[in-house]
């Protein structure tokens, strides 16, 4: 069976690390030290800007403004004038691995475990926090939660850390907030639950399973009156209920490094370059296919995947892949072919489905 490759944009010379969409453009951050702008109407690269090191994340603040971060320490604004972008201003920090835009501020995670908080209007630094082993950040009302070798609660209005829990022999790799809880996974494979009641972090008893050797990514989802926590590890896909009890767990032959949603489906980008599609409520596998076409038999991990205009966009190597999202139709055809026991080669711009 096949998943149709609708477009494959060639521009960067090394792996794409991040992308973001506005109403007119897709911006790409690449390991070859460039930010690329793709015009949506033509899906052609129309501009590129050079940095001194890999561009780790790009994010549209709004339709006219893009924020880009690089391992050279630059956090940069690009402003759209007519249909072209211009570099407006930069702030020099330590090497930036990721950032989050929230309440008109930018919360930056650096490679040297510094959390920078910047004003969104001019990139001026409000404060810088040293957090040992810093890996991640998420938002909760008027607070930010930072994760590393500790979990720290930052009060945005007071501009200070107001609560902290130090972890024992493990490091938080990914965290989210759900209702009044912080849920995080560590490098030991453990999933922890912290209560946020009264603006304090308190560890709770949890029936969540150990997730494997590493928790790589986490997302929360509200669907059909359900609130679910979805967890990708180096060898499994886990779904927790709102009460944080296990809903289902699927053991895999690969790791999950990115999670996206489409209707009632969850799309998992994997460390071997494949995309696995599950029914999010039942946990049933709908299909899988190679999202990144391997070169020289080397499977590269997916770095980012998003659904844009009902199309699945996938990155991981130097190409920007766009696939159709008719996964249930793929499943139906696969079942028919299985019943008829037909097996044959695929041709053209089509990827094999399992």
C-alpha atoms as a PDB file:
ATOM      1  CA  UNK A   1       0.000   0.000   0.000  1.00  0.00           C
ATOM      2  CA  UNK A   2       1.043   3.575  -0.514  1.00  0.00           C
ATOM      3  CA  UNK A   3       1.123   6.999   1.095  1.00  0.00           C
ATOM      4  CA  UNK A   4       1.312   9.589  -1.638  1.00  0.00           C
ATOM      5  CA  UNK A   5       4.222  12.004  -1.519  1.00  0.00           C
ATOM      6  CA  UNK A   6       2.648  15.251  -2.721  1.00  0.00           C
ATOM      7  CA  UNK A   7       5.729  17.459  -2.587  1.00  0.00           C
ATOM      8  CA  UNK A   8       9.409  17.227  -1.703  1.00  0.00           C
ATOM      9  CA  UNK A   9      11.115  20.621  -1.385  1.00  0.00           C
ATOM     10  CA  UNK A  10      14.889  20.633  -1.896  1.00  0.00           C
ATOM     11  CA  UNK A  11      16.842  23.560  -0.433  1.00  0.00           C
ATOM     12  CA  UNK A  12      18.997  22.835   2.612  1.00  0.00           C
ATOM     13  CA  UNK A  13      22.185  20.825   2.238  1.00  0.00           C
ATOM     14  CA  UNK A  14      21.908  19.201   5.687  1.00  0.00           C
ATOM     15  CA  UNK A  15      19.111  17.998   7.968  1.00  0.00           C
ATOM     16  CA  UNK A  16      16.122  20.247   8.674  1.00  0.00           C
ATOM     17  CA  UNK A  17      15.678  20.655  12.436  1.00  0.00           C
ATOM     18  CA  UNK A  18      12.461  22.705  12.691  1.00  0.00           C
ATOM     19  CA  UNK A  19       9.737  24.375  10.650  1.00  0.00           C
ATOM     20  CA  UNK A  20       6.794  26.716  11.198  1.00  0.00           C
ATOM     21  CA  UNK A  21       3.920  28.021   9.040  1.00  0.00           C
ATOM     22  CA  UNK A  22       2.307  31.421   8.514  1.00  0.00           C
ATOM     23  CA  UNK A  23      -0.541  32.195   6.106  1.00  0.00           C
ATOM     24  CA  UNK A  24       1.925  32.756   3.243  1.00  0.00           C
ATOM     25  CA  UNK A  25       5.193  31.006   4.123  1.00  0.00           C
ATOM     26  CA  UNK A  26       6.826  27.998   5.706  1.00  0.00           C
ATOM     27  CA  UNK A  27      10.054  28.807   7.537  1.00  0.00           C
ATOM     28  CA  UNK A  28      12.731  26.122   7.936  1.00  0.00           C
ATOM     29  CA  UNK A  29      15.655  25.976  10.349  1.00  0.00           C
ATOM     30  CA  UNK A  30      18.481  23.755   9.154  1.00  0.00           C
ATOM     31  CA  UNK A  31      21.664  22.104  10.344  1.00  0.00           C
ATOM     32  CA  UNK A  32      23.471  23.819   7.450  1.00  0.00           C
ATOM     33  CA  UNK A  33      23.237  27.142   9.399  1.00  0.00           C
ATOM     34  CA  UNK A  34      20.428  28.687   7.331  1.00  0.00           C
ATOM     35  CA  UNK A  35      16.836  29.826   7.774  1.00  0.00           C
ATOM     36  CA  UNK A  36      14.861  29.160   4.585  1.00  0.00           C
ATOM     37  CA  UNK A  37      11.529  30.715   3.602  1.00  0.00           C
ATOM     38  CA  UNK A  38       9.227  28.657   1.344  1.00  0.00           C
ATOM     39  CA  UNK A  39       6.322  30.389  -0.400  1.00  0.00           C
ATOM     40  CA  UNK A  40       3.167  28.341   0.214  1.00  0.00           C
ATOM     41  CA  UNK A  41       1.619  29.113  -3.179  1.00  0.00           C
ATOM     42  CA  UNK A  42       4.503  27.587  -5.127  1.00  0.00           C
ATOM     43  CA  UNK A  43       6.324  25.511  -2.457  1.00  0.00           C
ATOM     44  CA  UNK A  44       9.591  27.027  -3.654  1.00  0.00           C
ATOM     45  CA  UNK A  45      12.441  28.422  -1.555  1.00  0.00           C
ATOM     46  CA  UNK A  46      12.332  32.209  -2.050  1.00  0.00           C
ATOM     47  CA  UNK A  47      14.770  33.439   0.641  1.00  0.00           C
ATOM     48  CA  UNK A  48      17.502  32.206   2.954  1.00  0.00           C
ATOM     49  CA  UNK A  49      19.521  33.796   5.764  1.00  0.00           C
ATOM     50  CA  UNK A  50      22.812  32.522   7.164  1.00  0.00           C
ATOM     51  CA  UNK A  51      23.776  31.983  10.825  1.00  0.00           C
ATOM     52  CA  UNK A  52      27.108  30.830  12.250  1.00  0.00           C
ATOM     53  CA  UNK A  53      25.790  27.469  13.472  1.00  0.00           C
ATOM     54  CA  UNK A  54      22.770  25.149  13.206  1.00  0.00           C
ATOM     55  CA  UNK A  55      19.340  26.798  13.368  1.00  0.00           C
ATOM     56  CA  UNK A  56      17.626  24.700  16.038  1.00  0.00           C
ATOM     57  CA  UNK A  57      14.127  26.214  16.070  1.00  0.00           C
ATOM     58  CA  UNK A  58      11.933  28.603  14.088  1.00  0.00           C
ATOM     59  CA  UNK A  59       8.522  29.835  15.213  1.00  0.00           C
ATOM     60  CA  UNK A  60       6.127  32.413  13.787  1.00  0.00           C
ATOM     61  CA  UNK A  61       5.170  34.894  16.529  1.00  0.00           C
ATOM     62  CA  UNK A  62       2.427  36.076  14.166  1.00  0.00           C
ATOM     63  CA  UNK A  63       1.956  36.305  10.399  1.00  0.00           C
ATOM     64  CA  UNK A  64       4.490  39.115  10.088  1.00  0.00           C
ATOM     65  CA  UNK A  65       7.155  38.023  12.572  1.00  0.00           C
ATOM     66  CA  UNK A  66       9.391  34.951  12.812  1.00  0.00           C
ATOM     67  CA  UNK A  67      11.658  34.047  15.735  1.00  0.00           C
ATOM     68  CA  UNK A  68      14.716  31.894  14.947  1.00  0.00           C
ATOM     69  CA  UNK A  69      17.242  30.358  17.358  1.00  0.00           C
ATOM     70  CA  UNK A  70      20.711  29.027  16.639  1.00  0.00           C
ATOM     71  CA  UNK A  71      23.527  27.164  18.336  1.00  0.00           C
ATOM     72  CA  UNK A  72      25.669  30.248  17.656  1.00  0.00           C
ATOM     73  CA  UNK A  73      23.684  31.903  20.467  1.00  0.00           C
ATOM     74  CA  UNK A  74      21.562  34.173  18.298  1.00  0.00           C
ATOM     75  CA  UNK A  75      17.848  34.664  18.872  1.00  0.00           C
ATOM     76  CA  UNK A  76      16.676  36.650  15.852  1.00  0.00           C
ATOM     77  CA  UNK A  77      13.527  38.412  14.636  1.00  0.00           C
ATOM     78  CA  UNK A  78      12.579  38.341  10.948  1.00  0.00           C
ATOM     79  CA  UNK A  79       9.858  40.802   9.866  1.00  0.00           C
ATOM     80  CA  UNK A  80       7.785  40.428   6.692  1.00  0.00           C
ATOM     81  CA  UNK A  81       7.588  43.503   4.478  1.00  0.00           C
ATOM     82  CA  UNK A  82       5.308  42.862   1.499  1.00  0.00           C
ATOM     83  CA  UNK A  83       6.160  39.212   0.712  1.00  0.00           C
ATOM     84  CA  UNK A  84       9.814  39.316   1.746  1.00  0.00           C
ATOM     85  CA  UNK A  85      11.348  38.853   5.189  1.00  0.00           C
ATOM     86  CA  UNK A  86      14.083  41.043   6.628  1.00  0.00           C
ATOM     87  CA  UNK A  87      16.287  40.403   9.644  1.00  0.00           C
ATOM     88  CA  UNK A  88      15.274  43.058  12.182  1.00  0.00           C
ATOM     89  CA  UNK A  89      17.133  42.443  15.441  1.00  0.00           C
ATOM     90  CA  UNK A  90      19.080  39.799  17.319  1.00  0.00           C
ATOM     91  CA  UNK A  91      19.948  39.006  20.911  1.00  0.00           C
ATOM     92  CA  UNK A  92      23.192  37.161  21.615  1.00  0.00           C
ATOM     93  CA  UNK A  93      22.794  34.416  24.205  1.00  0.00           C
ATOM     94  CA  UNK A  94      24.588  31.149  24.848  1.00  0.00           C
ATOM     95  CA  UNK A  95      23.860  28.337  22.314  1.00  0.00           C
ATOM     96  CA  UNK A  96      20.066  27.968  22.039  1.00  0.00           C
ATOM     97  CA  UNK A  97      18.520  24.501  21.797  1.00  0.00           C
ATOM     98  CA  UNK A  98      14.836  25.527  21.945  1.00  0.00           C
ATOM     99  CA  UNK A  99      12.410  28.218  23.065  1.00  0.00           C
ATOM    100  CA  UNK A 100       8.738  28.758  23.893  1.00  0.00           C
ATOM    101  CA  UNK A 101       6.611  31.854  23.198  1.00  0.00           C
ATOM    102  CA  UNK A 102       4.066  32.537  25.967  1.00  0.00           C
ATOM    103  CA  UNK A 103       2.288  35.672  27.252  1.00  0.00           C
ATOM    104  CA  UNK A 104       4.299  37.936  24.915  1.00  0.00           C
ATOM    105  CA  UNK A 105       7.560  36.627  26.328  1.00  0.00           C
ATOM    106  CA  UNK A 106      10.138  34.183  24.996  1.00  0.00           C
ATOM    107  CA  UNK A 107      11.446  31.441  27.275  1.00  0.00           C
ATOM    108  CA  UNK A 108      14.758  30.117  25.994  1.00  0.00           C
ATOM    109  CA  UNK A 109      16.507  26.839  26.812  1.00  0.00           C
ATOM    110  CA  UNK A 110      20.256  27.043  26.230  1.00  0.00           C
ATOM    111  CA  UNK A 111      22.793  24.279  25.753  1.00  0.00           C
ATOM    112  CA  UNK A 112      24.656  25.339  28.915  1.00  0.00           C
ATOM    113  CA  UNK A 113      21.603  24.954  31.214  1.00  0.00           C
ATOM    114  CA  UNK A 114      20.627  28.639  31.303  1.00  0.00           C
ATOM    115  CA  UNK A 115      16.951  29.614  31.014  1.00  0.00           C
ATOM    116  CA  UNK A 116      16.628  33.090  29.482  1.00  0.00           C
ATOM    117  CA  UNK A 117      13.372  35.051  29.741  1.00  0.00           C
ATOM    118  CA  UNK A 118      13.098  37.807  27.113  1.00  0.00           C
ATOM    119  CA  UNK A 119      10.540  40.480  26.263  1.00  0.00           C
ATOM    120  CA  UNK A 120       8.708  39.587  23.091  1.00  0.00           C
ATOM    121  CA  UNK A 121       8.648  43.117  21.674  1.00  0.00           C
ATOM    122  CA  UNK A 122      12.375  43.888  21.638  1.00  0.00           C
ATOM    123  CA  UNK A 123      14.227  40.707  22.738  1.00  0.00           C
ATOM    124  CA  UNK A 124      15.634  42.436  25.819  1.00  0.00           C
ATOM    125  CA  UNK A 125      16.593  40.022  28.612  1.00  0.00           C
ATOM    126  CA  UNK A 126      14.330  40.074  31.682  1.00  0.00           C
ATOM    127  CA  UNK A 127      16.313  37.496  33.623  1.00  0.00           C
ATOM    128  CA  UNK A 128      18.557  34.451  33.273  1.00  0.00           C
ATOM    129  CA  UNK A 129      18.232  31.368  35.490  1.00  0.00           C
ATOM    130  CA  UNK A 130      20.804  28.633  36.003  1.00  0.00           C
ATOM    131  CA  UNK A 131      19.042  25.241  36.168  1.00  0.00           C
ATOM    132  CA  UNK A 132      21.251  22.162  36.317  1.00  0.00           C
ATOM    133  CA  UNK A 133      20.731  19.816  33.354  1.00  0.00           C
ATOM    134  CA  UNK A 134      18.008  22.049  31.847  1.00  0.00           C
ATOM    135  CA  UNK A 135      16.157  20.306  28.993  1.00  0.00           C
ATOM    136  CA  UNK A 136      12.563  21.542  28.785  1.00  0.00           C
ATOM    137  CA  UNK A 137       9.944  24.137  29.651  1.00  0.00           C
ATOM    138  CA  UNK A 138       6.147  24.281  29.671  1.00  0.00           C
ATOM    139  CA  UNK A 139       3.484  26.798  30.724  1.00  0.00           C
ATOM    140  CA  UNK A 140       0.814  26.733  33.425  1.00  0.00           C
ATOM    141  CA  UNK A 141      -1.406  29.825  33.878  1.00  0.00           C
ATOM    142  CA  UNK A 142       0.906  32.591  35.170  1.00  0.00           C
ATOM    143  CA  UNK A 143       3.778  30.187  35.717  1.00  0.00           C
ATOM    144  CA  UNK A 144       6.468  28.382  33.752  1.00  0.00           C
ATOM    145  CA  UNK A 145       7.764  24.948  34.710  1.00  0.00           C
ATOM    146  CA  UNK A 146      11.408  24.173  33.894  1.00  0.00           C
ATOM    147  CA  UNK A 147      12.754  20.621  33.823  1.00  0.00           C
ATOM    148  CA  UNK A 148      16.280  19.257  34.182  1.00  0.00           C
ATOM    149  CA  UNK A 149      17.924  17.646  37.185  1.00  0.00           C
ATOM    150  CA  UNK A 150      15.204  19.468  39.102  1.00  0.00           C
ATOM    151  CA  UNK A 151      11.652  20.656  38.401  1.00  0.00           C
ATOM    152  CA  UNK A 152      11.356  24.402  39.072  1.00  0.00           C
ATOM    153  CA  UNK A 153       8.248  26.620  39.156  1.00  0.00           C
ATOM    154  CA  UNK A 154       8.797  30.173  37.876  1.00  0.00           C
ATOM    155  CA  UNK A 155       6.297  32.960  38.672  1.00  0.00           C
ATOM    156  CA  UNK A 156       6.086  35.146  35.553  1.00  0.00           C
ATOM    157  CA  UNK A 157       4.682  38.212  37.353  1.00  0.00           C
ATOM    158  CA  UNK A 158       7.073  38.023  40.323  1.00  0.00           C
ATOM    159  CA  UNK A 159      10.004  37.104  38.028  1.00  0.00           C
ATOM    160  CA  UNK A 160      11.388  34.454  40.351  1.00  0.00           C
ATOM    161  CA  UNK A 161      11.530  30.731  41.076  1.00  0.00           C
ATOM    162  CA  UNK A 162       8.990  30.067  43.836  1.00  0.00           C
ATOM    163  CA  UNK A 163       9.246  26.297  44.214  1.00  0.00           C
ATOM    164  CA  UNK A 164      11.716  23.533  43.339  1.00  0.00           C
ATOM    165  CA  UNK A 165      11.962  19.747  43.548  1.00  0.00           C
ATOM    166  CA  UNK A 166      15.388  18.171  43.083  1.00  0.00           C
ATOM    167  CA  UNK A 167      15.412  14.807  41.294  1.00  0.00           C
ATOM    168  CA  UNK A 168      17.434  11.851  42.513  1.00  0.00           C
ATOM    169  CA  UNK A 169      19.829  10.348  39.948  1.00  0.00           C
ATOM    170  CA  UNK A 170      17.643  11.183  36.947  1.00  0.00           C
ATOM    171  CA  UNK A 171      17.011  14.037  34.525  1.00  0.00           C
ATOM    172  CA  UNK A 172      13.677  15.265  33.159  1.00  0.00           C
ATOM    173  CA  UNK A 173      13.670  14.925  29.355  1.00  0.00           C
ATOM    174  CA  UNK A 174      10.121  16.069  28.589  1.00  0.00           C
ATOM    175  CA  UNK A 175       7.254  17.585  30.565  1.00  0.00           C
ATOM    176  CA  UNK A 176       3.700  18.861  30.157  1.00  0.00           C
ATOM    177  CA  UNK A 177       0.981  20.296  32.396  1.00  0.00           C
ATOM    178  CA  UNK A 178      -2.524  18.832  32.613  1.00  0.00           C
ATOM    179  CA  UNK A 179      -5.202  20.334  34.856  1.00  0.00           C
ATOM    180  CA  UNK A 180      -3.298  21.017  38.092  1.00  0.00           C
ATOM    181  CA  UNK A 181      -0.510  18.527  37.501  1.00  0.00           C
ATOM    182  CA  UNK A 182       2.959  18.440  35.988  1.00  0.00           C
ATOM    183  CA  UNK A 183       3.738  15.175  34.204  1.00  0.00           C
ATOM    184  CA  UNK A 184       7.311  14.475  33.217  1.00  0.00           C
ATOM    185  CA  UNK A 185       9.393  11.605  31.910  1.00  0.00           C
ATOM    186  CA  UNK A 186      13.035  11.041  32.722  1.00  0.00           C
ATOM    187  CA  UNK A 187      16.138   9.453  31.271  1.00  0.00           C
ATOM    188  CA  UNK A 188      15.507   6.411  33.497  1.00  0.00           C
ATOM    189  CA  UNK A 189      12.155   5.714  31.819  1.00  0.00           C
ATOM    190  CA  UNK A 190      10.101   6.720  34.857  1.00  0.00           C
ATOM    191  CA  UNK A 191       6.973   8.873  34.528  1.00  0.00           C
ATOM    192  CA  UNK A 192       6.365  11.234  37.454  1.00  0.00           C
ATOM    193  CA  UNK A 193       3.303  13.218  38.499  1.00  0.00           C
ATOM    194  CA  UNK A 194       3.584  16.465  40.481  1.00  0.00           C
ATOM    195  CA  UNK A 195       0.630  18.371  41.924  1.00  0.00           C
ATOM    196  CA  UNK A 196       0.496  22.126  41.278  1.00  0.00           C
ATOM    197  CA  UNK A 197      -2.135  22.929  43.900  1.00  0.00           C
ATOM    198  CA  UNK A 198      -1.526  26.129  45.875  1.00  0.00           C
ATOM    199  CA  UNK A 199       1.288  26.928  43.423  1.00  0.00           C
ATOM    200  CA  UNK A 200       3.545  24.299  44.966  1.00  0.00           C
ATOM    201  CA  UNK A 201       5.116  21.214  43.443  1.00  0.00           C
ATOM    202  CA  UNK A 202       4.192  18.068  45.382  1.00  0.00           C
ATOM    203  CA  UNK A 203       4.991  14.531  44.207  1.00  0.00           C
ATOM    204  CA  UNK A 204       1.939  12.273  43.828  1.00  0.00           C
ATOM    205  CA  UNK A 205       1.464   8.518  43.788  1.00  0.00           C
ATOM    206  CA  UNK A 206       1.102   7.300  40.206  1.00  0.00           C
ATOM    207  CA  UNK A 207       0.058   4.099  38.472  1.00  0.00           C
ATOM    208  CA  UNK A 208       1.806   5.207  35.276  1.00  0.00           C
ATOM    209  CA  UNK A 209       4.118   2.494  33.924  1.00  0.00           C
ATOM    210  CA  UNK A 210       7.843   2.809  33.515  1.00  0.00           C
ATOM    211  CA  UNK A 211       8.250   3.807  29.921  1.00  0.00           C
ATOM    212  CA  UNK A 212      11.460   2.162  28.774  1.00  0.00           C
ATOM    213  CA  UNK A 213      14.965   3.491  28.990  1.00  0.00           C
ATOM    214  CA  UNK A 214      14.129   7.067  27.942  1.00  0.00           C
ATOM    215  CA  UNK A 215      11.041   9.257  27.619  1.00  0.00           C
ATOM    216  CA  UNK A 216      11.654  11.346  24.491  1.00  0.00           C
ATOM    217  CA  UNK A 217       8.485  13.408  24.006  1.00  0.00           C
ATOM    218  CA  UNK A 218       5.063  14.050  25.564  1.00  0.00           C
ATOM    219  CA  UNK A 219       1.822  15.704  24.396  1.00  0.00           C
ATOM    220  CA  UNK A 220      -1.618  16.204  25.914  1.00  0.00           C
ATOM    221  CA  UNK A 221      -4.858  16.022  23.930  1.00  0.00           C
ATOM    222  CA  UNK A 222      -8.548  16.774  24.568  1.00  0.00           C
ATOM    223  CA  UNK A 223     -10.867  14.710  22.342  1.00  0.00           C
ATOM    224  CA  UNK A 224     -14.497  13.598  22.730  1.00  0.00           C
ATOM    225  CA  UNK A 225     -14.542  14.717  26.391  1.00  0.00           C
ATOM    226  CA  UNK A 226     -11.359  12.726  27.048  1.00  0.00           C
ATOM    227  CA  UNK A 227      -8.132  14.286  28.236  1.00  0.00           C
ATOM    228  CA  UNK A 228      -5.197  12.079  27.331  1.00  0.00           C
ATOM    229  CA  UNK A 229      -1.453  12.148  27.904  1.00  0.00           C
ATOM    230  CA  UNK A 230       0.572  10.711  25.011  1.00  0.00           C
ATOM    231  CA  UNK A 231       4.149   9.628  25.620  1.00  0.00           C
ATOM    232  CA  UNK A 232       6.824   8.642  23.115  1.00  0.00           C
ATOM    233  CA  UNK A 233       9.813   6.629  24.333  1.00  0.00           C
ATOM    234  CA  UNK A 234      12.779   4.944  22.713  1.00  0.00           C
ATOM    235  CA  UNK A 235      10.756   1.725  22.250  1.00  0.00           C
ATOM    236  CA  UNK A 236       7.050   2.359  22.928  1.00  0.00           C
ATOM    237  CA  UNK A 237       3.994   4.601  22.590  1.00  0.00           C
ATOM    238  CA  UNK A 238       2.003   5.102  25.817  1.00  0.00           C
ATOM    239  CA  UNK A 239      -1.400   6.694  26.437  1.00  0.00           C
ATOM    240  CA  UNK A 240      -2.567   7.725  29.921  1.00  0.00           C
ATOM    241  CA  UNK A 241      -6.119   8.633  30.971  1.00  0.00           C
ATOM    242  CA  UNK A 242      -7.043  11.941  32.610  1.00  0.00           C
ATOM    243  CA  UNK A 243      -6.651  10.231  36.008  1.00  0.00           C
ATOM    244  CA  UNK A 244      -3.163   9.241  34.767  1.00  0.00           C
ATOM    245  CA  UNK A 245      -3.964   5.517  34.729  1.00  0.00           C
ATOM    246  CA  UNK A 246      -2.685   3.533  31.758  1.00  0.00           C
ATOM    247  CA  UNK A 247      -5.101   3.458  28.795  1.00  0.00           C
ATOM    248  CA  UNK A 248      -2.851   1.460  26.461  1.00  0.00           C
ATOM    249  CA  UNK A 249       0.784   0.833  25.617  1.00  0.00           C
ATOM    250  CA  UNK A 250       2.198  -0.204  22.240  1.00  0.00           C
ATOM    251  CA  UNK A 251       5.675  -1.709  22.146  1.00  0.00           C
ATOM    252  CA  UNK A 252       7.639  -0.733  19.035  1.00  0.00           C
ATOM    253  CA  UNK A 253      10.831  -1.600  17.197  1.00  0.00           C
ATOM    254  CA  UNK A 254      11.796   2.078  17.058  1.00  0.00           C
ATOM    255  CA  UNK A 255      11.700   5.210  19.197  1.00  0.00           C
ATOM    256  CA  UNK A 256       9.186   8.052  18.946  1.00  0.00           C
ATOM    257  CA  UNK A 257      10.697  11.536  18.778  1.00  0.00           C
ATOM    258  CA  UNK A 258       7.723  13.687  17.639  1.00  0.00           C
ATOM    259  CA  UNK A 259       3.938  13.528  18.091  1.00  0.00           C
ATOM    260  CA  UNK A 260       1.215  15.260  16.048  1.00  0.00           C
ATOM    261  CA  UNK A 261      -2.591  14.991  15.871  1.00  0.00           C
ATOM    262  CA  UNK A 262      -5.016  14.729  12.945  1.00  0.00           C
ATOM    263  CA  UNK A 263      -8.731  14.260  13.615  1.00  0.00           C
ATOM    264  CA  UNK A 264      -8.949  11.108  15.807  1.00  0.00           C
ATOM    265  CA  UNK A 265      -5.450   9.966  14.867  1.00  0.00           C
ATOM    266  CA  UNK A 266      -2.056  10.423  16.468  1.00  0.00           C
ATOM    267  CA  UNK A 267       0.908  10.602  14.096  1.00  0.00           C
ATOM    268  CA  UNK A 268       4.239   9.487  15.531  1.00  0.00           C
ATOM    269  CA  UNK A 269       7.539  10.515  13.960  1.00  0.00           C
ATOM    270  CA  UNK A 270      10.166   7.896  14.716  1.00  0.00           C
ATOM    271  CA  UNK A 271      13.907   7.642  15.196  1.00  0.00           C
ATOM    272  CA  UNK A 272      14.223   5.367  12.141  1.00  0.00           C
ATOM    273  CA  UNK A 273      12.538   7.956   9.883  1.00  0.00           C
ATOM    274  CA  UNK A 274       9.171   6.187   9.755  1.00  0.00           C
ATOM    275  CA  UNK A 275       5.723   7.582  10.581  1.00  0.00           C
ATOM    276  CA  UNK A 276       3.348   5.364  12.578  1.00  0.00           C
ATOM    277  CA  UNK A 277      -0.348   6.268  12.705  1.00  0.00           C
ATOM    278  CA  UNK A 278      -2.566   5.152  15.615  1.00  0.00           C
ATOM    279  CA  UNK A 279      -6.232   5.576  16.497  1.00  0.00           C
ATOM    280  CA  UNK A 280      -5.749   7.820  19.521  1.00  0.00           C
ATOM    281  CA  UNK A 281      -8.677   6.441  21.566  1.00  0.00           C
ATOM    282  CA  UNK A 282      -8.255   2.729  20.828  1.00  0.00           C
ATOM    283  CA  UNK A 283      -4.499   2.577  20.369  1.00  0.00           C
ATOM    284  CA  UNK A 284      -4.918   0.526  17.189  1.00  0.00           C
ATOM    285  CA  UNK A 285      -2.246   0.923  14.527  1.00  0.00           C
ATOM    286  CA  UNK A 286      -3.762   2.342  11.332  1.00  0.00           C
ATOM    287  CA  UNK A 287      -0.671   2.257   9.129  1.00  0.00           C
ATOM    288  CA  UNK A 288       3.020   3.124   8.945  1.00  0.00           C
ATOM    289  CA  UNK A 289       5.308   4.357   6.185  1.00  0.00           C
ATOM    290  CA  UNK A 290       8.805   5.712   5.671  1.00  0.00           C
ATOM    291  CA  UNK A 291       8.428   9.472   6.117  1.00  0.00           C
ATOM    292  CA  UNK A 292      12.067  10.176   5.324  1.00  0.00           C
ATOM    293  CA  UNK A 293      13.460   8.344   2.318  1.00  0.00           C
ATOM    294  CA  UNK A 294      16.705   6.678   3.507  1.00  0.00           C
ATOM    295  CA  UNK A 295      19.906   7.375   1.588  1.00  0.00           C
ATOM    296  CA  UNK A 296      22.734   4.837   1.484  1.00  0.00           C
ATOM    297  CA  UNK A 297      20.647   2.573   3.750  1.00  0.00           C
ATOM    298  CA  UNK A 298      20.988   5.095   6.611  1.00  0.00           C
ATOM    299  CA  UNK A 299      17.768   5.804   8.513  1.00  0.00           C
ATOM    300  CA  UNK A 300      17.665   9.347   9.885  1.00  0.00           C
ATOM    301  CA  UNK A 301      15.324  10.329  12.745  1.00  0.00           C
ATOM    302  CA  UNK A 302      12.349  12.573  12.117  1.00  0.00           C
ATOM    303  CA  UNK A 303      13.053  15.978  13.649  1.00  0.00           C
ATOM    304  CA  UNK A 304       9.617  17.561  13.204  1.00  0.00           C
ATOM    305  CA  UNK A 305       6.191  16.725  11.797  1.00  0.00           C
ATOM    306  CA  UNK A 306       3.064  18.857  11.616  1.00  0.00           C
ATOM    307  CA  UNK A 307      -0.296  18.742   9.845  1.00  0.00           C
ATOM    308  CA  UNK A 308      -0.622  21.837   7.643  1.00  0.00           C
ATOM    309  CA  UNK A 309      -3.767  22.400   5.566  1.00  0.00           C
ATOM    310  CA  UNK A 310      -4.730  18.710   5.907  1.00  0.00           C
ATOM    311  CA  UNK A 311      -1.311  17.612   4.671  1.00  0.00           C
ATOM    312  CA  UNK A 312       1.383  15.926   6.757  1.00  0.00           C
ATOM    313  CA  UNK A 313       4.728  17.739   6.617  1.00  0.00           C
ATOM    314  CA  UNK A 314       7.799  15.766   7.712  1.00  0.00           C
ATOM    315  CA  UNK A 315      11.453  16.743   8.177  1.00  0.00           C
ATOM    316  CA  UNK A 316      14.636  14.971   9.230  1.00  0.00           C
ATOM    317  CA  UNK A 317      17.013  15.059   6.282  1.00  0.00           C
ATOM    318  CA  UNK A 318      17.644  17.890   3.806  1.00  0.00           C
ATOM    319  CA  UNK A 319      14.186  17.629   2.196  1.00  0.00           C
ATOM    320  CA  UNK A 320      10.785  18.960   3.222  1.00  0.00           C
ATOM    321  CA  UNK A 321       8.256  16.149   2.634  1.00  0.00           C
ATOM    322  CA  UNK A 322       4.512  16.695   2.191  1.00  0.00           C
ATOM    323  CA  UNK A 323       2.146  13.678   2.304  1.00  0.00           C
ATOM    324  CA  UNK A 324      -1.579  13.183   2.000  1.00  0.00           C
ATOM    325  CA  UNK A 325      -3.498  12.448   5.208  1.00  0.00           C
ATOM    326  CA  UNK A 326      -6.007   9.880   3.937  1.00  0.00           C
ATOM    327  CA  UNK A 327      -4.776   7.280   6.408  1.00  0.00           C
ATOM    328  CA  UNK A 328      -8.098   5.458   6.874  1.00  0.00           C
ATOM    329  CA  UNK A 329      -8.375   5.012   3.106  1.00  0.00           C
ATOM    330  CA  UNK A 330      -4.855   3.581   3.154  1.00  0.00           C
ATOM    331  CA  UNK A 331      -5.908   1.193   5.907  1.00  0.00           C
ATOM    332  CA  UNK A 332      -8.979   0.035   3.957  1.00  0.00           C
ATOM    333  CA  UNK A 333      -6.945  -0.623   0.819  1.00  0.00           C
ATOM    334  CA  UNK A 334      -4.303  -2.461   2.834  1.00  0.00           C
ATOM    335  CA  UNK A 335      -6.978  -4.718   4.345  1.00  0.00           C
ATOM    336  CA  UNK A 336      -8.391  -5.461   0.883  1.00  0.00           C
ATOM    337  CA  UNK A 337      -4.940  -6.308  -0.442  1.00  0.00           C
ATOM    338  CA  UNK A 338      -4.273  -8.517   2.573  1.00  0.00           C
ATOM    339  CA  UNK A 339      -7.542 -10.365   2.013  1.00  0.00           C
ATOM    340  CA  UNK A 340      -6.682 -10.879  -1.633  1.00  0.00           C
ATOM    341  CA  UNK A 341      -3.070 -11.755  -0.718  1.00  0.00           C
ATOM    342  CA  UNK A 342      -1.770  -9.435  -3.391  1.00  0.00           C
ATOM    343  CA  UNK A 343       1.805  -8.250  -3.130  1.00  0.00           C
ATOM    344  CA  UNK A 344       3.507  -6.027  -5.719  1.00  0.00           C
ATOM    345  CA  UNK A 345       6.111  -3.274  -6.169  1.00  0.00           C
ATOM    346  CA  UNK A 346       5.304   0.413  -5.728  1.00  0.00           C
ATOM    347  CA  UNK A 347       6.353   3.038  -8.194  1.00  0.00           C
ATOM    348  CA  UNK A 348       6.488   6.797  -8.672  1.00  0.00           C
ATOM    349  CA  UNK A 349       6.456   9.095  -5.663  1.00  0.00           C
ATOM    350  CA  UNK A 350       4.912   6.551  -3.303  1.00  0.00           C
ATOM    351  CA  UNK A 351       6.223   5.124  -0.045  1.00  0.00           C
ATOM    352  CA  UNK A 352       5.539   1.612   1.221  1.00  0.00           C
ATOM    353  CA  UNK A 353       2.933   1.210   3.947  1.00  0.00           C
ATOM    354  CA  UNK A 354       2.905  -1.517   6.578  1.00  0.00           C
END
